[in-house]
Amino acid sequence: MFDKVDFVGGWKLYFSLSAILLLGGIIAIALGGLNFGIDFQGGAQFTVANAERQLSDEQVRAALPEDMAGESVVTTLGENGYEVRTPVISSQQEQSQIRDSLSRAFGGEVSVTTVSPAPWAACSVSDRTFGVLHGMPTKRSGQCRRRPSR
């Protein structure tokens, strides 16, 4: 089937297409930056199911503690569900207070999932990039936490 296709003869075209795609990716990262989600930064995810009341993002943030309201991300899930992602919560008591506050605000059940920060969350962007390319975080900038040796 592919006996008559000259793959090697089109190498210049293939290299050009690859270069264009790589350059486009580099430009997109340079202009937009990388958005490290909860898996890399850590935090808590509060999921509200079967909410009795529909609230705006501002109303949801008003139910959160002031220090977390600005950094929280509110997402609507379907018609009566919400997801609220917050930065890392230091205590179980604070987590319970936020869960209860959201439950009162929405009138629905709230489940909590916490995510610990990635081992290299304290690394600079250049150290993260180096770590991804080499499979480990580095201590070049003095900001990275050391991983335990195996």
Protein backbone atom coordinates (compact mmCIF):
# COMPACT_ATOMS: atom_id res chain seq x y z
CA MET A 1 0.00 0.00 0.00
CA PHE A 2 2.76 2.49 0.92
CA ASP A 3 5.32 0.95 -1.45
CA LYS A 4 5.14 3.85 -3.88
CA VAL A 5 5.19 6.68 -1.33
CA ASP A 6 8.53 8.47 -1.12
CA PHE A 7 8.83 9.27 2.59
CA VAL A 8 12.56 10.01 2.52
CA GLY A 9 12.33 12.32 -0.48
CA GLY A 10 10.00 14.67 1.38
CA TRP A 11 12.31 15.18 4.35
CA LYS A 12 12.58 18.94 3.82
CA LEU A 13 8.81 19.30 3.96
CA TYR A 14 8.56 17.14 7.09
CA PHE A 15 11.34 19.03 8.87
CA SER A 16 9.73 22.34 7.92
CA LEU A 17 6.34 21.27 9.27
CA SER A 18 7.96 20.04 12.50
CA ALA A 19 9.87 23.31 12.90
CA ILE A 20 6.69 25.35 12.38
CA LEU A 21 4.81 23.30 15.00
CA LEU A 22 7.67 23.53 17.51
CA LEU A 23 8.05 27.27 16.95
CA GLY A 24 4.30 27.75 17.36
CA GLY A 25 4.38 25.83 20.65
CA ILE A 26 7.34 27.85 21.95
CA ILE A 27 5.64 31.13 21.03
CA ALA A 28 2.39 30.02 22.70
CA ILE A 29 4.23 29.16 25.93
CA ALA A 30 6.24 32.41 25.82
CA LEU A 31 3.14 34.58 25.32
CA GLY A 32 0.65 32.72 27.47
CA GLY A 33 2.91 31.03 29.98
CA LEU A 34 2.21 27.68 31.55
CA ASN A 35 -0.83 27.36 33.75
CA PHE A 36 0.12 24.84 36.42
CA GLY A 37 -3.10 23.37 37.76
CA ILE A 38 -3.99 21.93 41.12
CA ASP A 39 -1.96 18.77 40.39
CA PHE A 40 1.29 20.76 40.37
CA GLN A 41 0.51 23.56 42.82
CA GLY A 42 -1.55 21.61 45.33
CA GLY A 43 -4.73 22.79 46.98
CA ALA A 44 -8.25 21.69 47.77
CA GLN A 45 -11.13 20.97 45.46
CA PHE A 46 -14.63 21.38 46.86
CA THR A 47 -17.32 19.80 44.69
CA VAL A 48 -20.93 20.83 45.29
CA ALA A 49 -23.50 18.37 43.98
CA ASN A 50 -27.25 18.98 43.77
CA ALA A 51 -27.08 22.63 44.77
CA GLU A 52 -30.47 24.05 45.73
CA ARG A 53 -29.42 27.62 44.88
CA GLN A 54 -27.68 29.02 41.82
CA LEU A 55 -24.97 31.48 42.86
CA SER A 56 -22.69 33.78 40.90
CA ASP A 57 -18.91 33.48 41.20
CA GLU A 58 -18.87 36.56 43.44
CA GLN A 59 -21.45 35.04 45.79
CA VAL A 60 -19.42 31.82 46.00
CA ARG A 61 -16.25 33.78 46.78
CA ALA A 62 -18.14 35.69 49.48
CA ALA A 63 -18.75 32.35 51.25
CA LEU A 64 -14.98 31.67 51.34
CA PRO A 65 -12.46 33.12 53.80
CA GLU A 66 -11.15 36.49 52.59
CA ASP A 67 -7.56 35.26 52.14
CA MET A 68 -8.71 32.47 49.80
CA ALA A 69 -11.50 34.18 47.89
CA GLY A 70 -9.23 35.99 45.43
CA GLU A 71 -7.09 32.94 44.63
CA SER A 72 -9.97 30.47 44.27
CA VAL A 73 -11.28 29.22 40.95
CA VAL A 74 -15.04 28.64 40.65
CA THR A 75 -16.37 26.38 37.90
CA THR A 76 -20.01 25.54 37.13
CA LEU A 77 -20.66 21.83 36.56
CA GLY A 78 -23.91 21.28 34.71
CA GLU A 79 -27.12 22.85 35.98
CA ASN A 80 -26.75 22.39 39.72
CA GLY A 81 -23.12 21.55 40.42
CA TYR A 82 -20.06 23.62 41.23
CA GLU A 83 -16.36 23.07 41.74
CA VAL A 84 -14.30 25.44 43.88
CA ARG A 85 -10.50 25.07 43.81
CA THR A 86 -8.53 26.80 46.55
CA PRO A 87 -4.85 27.08 47.45
CA VAL A 88 -3.37 24.64 49.94
CA ILE A 89 -5.36 24.59 53.20
CA SER A 90 -3.22 24.32 56.30
CA SER A 91 -5.60 22.63 58.74
CA GLN A 92 -8.43 20.14 58.83
CA GLN A 93 -10.47 22.66 60.84
CA GLU A 94 -10.20 25.32 58.12
CA GLN A 95 -11.17 22.74 55.50
CA SER A 96 -14.27 21.80 57.52
CA GLN A 97 -15.23 25.47 57.94
CA ILE A 98 -15.00 26.07 54.18
CA ARG A 99 -16.98 22.90 53.42
CA ASP A 100 -19.72 23.90 55.90
CA SER A 101 -19.81 27.48 54.58
CA LEU A 102 -20.20 26.29 50.98
CA SER A 103 -22.85 23.78 52.03
CA ARG A 104 -24.88 26.56 53.70
CA ALA A 105 -24.44 28.90 50.73
CA PHE A 106 -25.51 26.33 48.11
CA GLY A 107 -27.85 24.19 50.15
CA GLY A 108 -26.23 21.06 48.73
CA GLU A 109 -23.75 18.39 49.70
CA VAL A 110 -20.06 19.26 49.44
CA SER A 111 -17.21 16.81 49.00
CA VAL A 112 -13.54 17.71 49.44
CA THR A 113 -10.45 16.44 47.68
CA THR A 114 -7.04 17.68 48.74
CA VAL A 115 -3.94 17.53 46.58
CA SER A 116 -0.43 17.90 47.95
CA PRO A 117 1.92 20.08 45.92
CA ALA A 118 4.19 18.37 43.42
CA PRO A 119 7.72 17.67 44.70
CA TRP A 120 9.07 20.53 42.62
CA ALA A 121 6.31 23.08 43.27
CA ALA A 122 8.78 25.41 44.99
CA CYS A 123 11.14 25.34 42.01
CA SER A 124 11.56 28.22 39.59
CA VAL A 125 10.15 27.82 36.09
CA SER A 126 13.63 27.20 34.66
CA ASP A 127 14.25 24.50 37.27
CA ARG A 128 10.89 22.91 36.50
CA THR A 129 11.70 22.91 32.80
CA PHE A 130 15.13 21.41 33.49
CA GLY A 131 13.49 18.86 35.77
CA VAL A 132 10.93 17.84 33.17
CA LEU A 133 13.63 17.44 30.55
CA HIS A 134 15.94 15.50 32.86
CA GLY A 135 13.35 13.70 34.99
CA MET A 136 14.12 15.38 38.32
CA PRO A 137 14.04 18.77 40.05
CA THR A 138 17.26 20.64 40.60
CA LYS A 139 18.63 22.89 43.28
CA ARG A 140 20.23 25.37 40.87
CA SER A 141 18.25 28.37 42.12
CA GLY A 142 18.31 27.44 45.79
CA GLN A 143 14.48 27.44 45.82
CA CYS A 144 13.79 23.78 45.11
CA ARG A 145 13.03 21.33 47.83
CA ARG A 146 15.25 18.29 47.66
CA ARG A 147 13.69 14.99 46.81
CA PRO A 148 14.67 12.11 49.04
CA SER A 149 17.36 9.95 47.49
CA ARG A 150 16.48 6.39 46.69
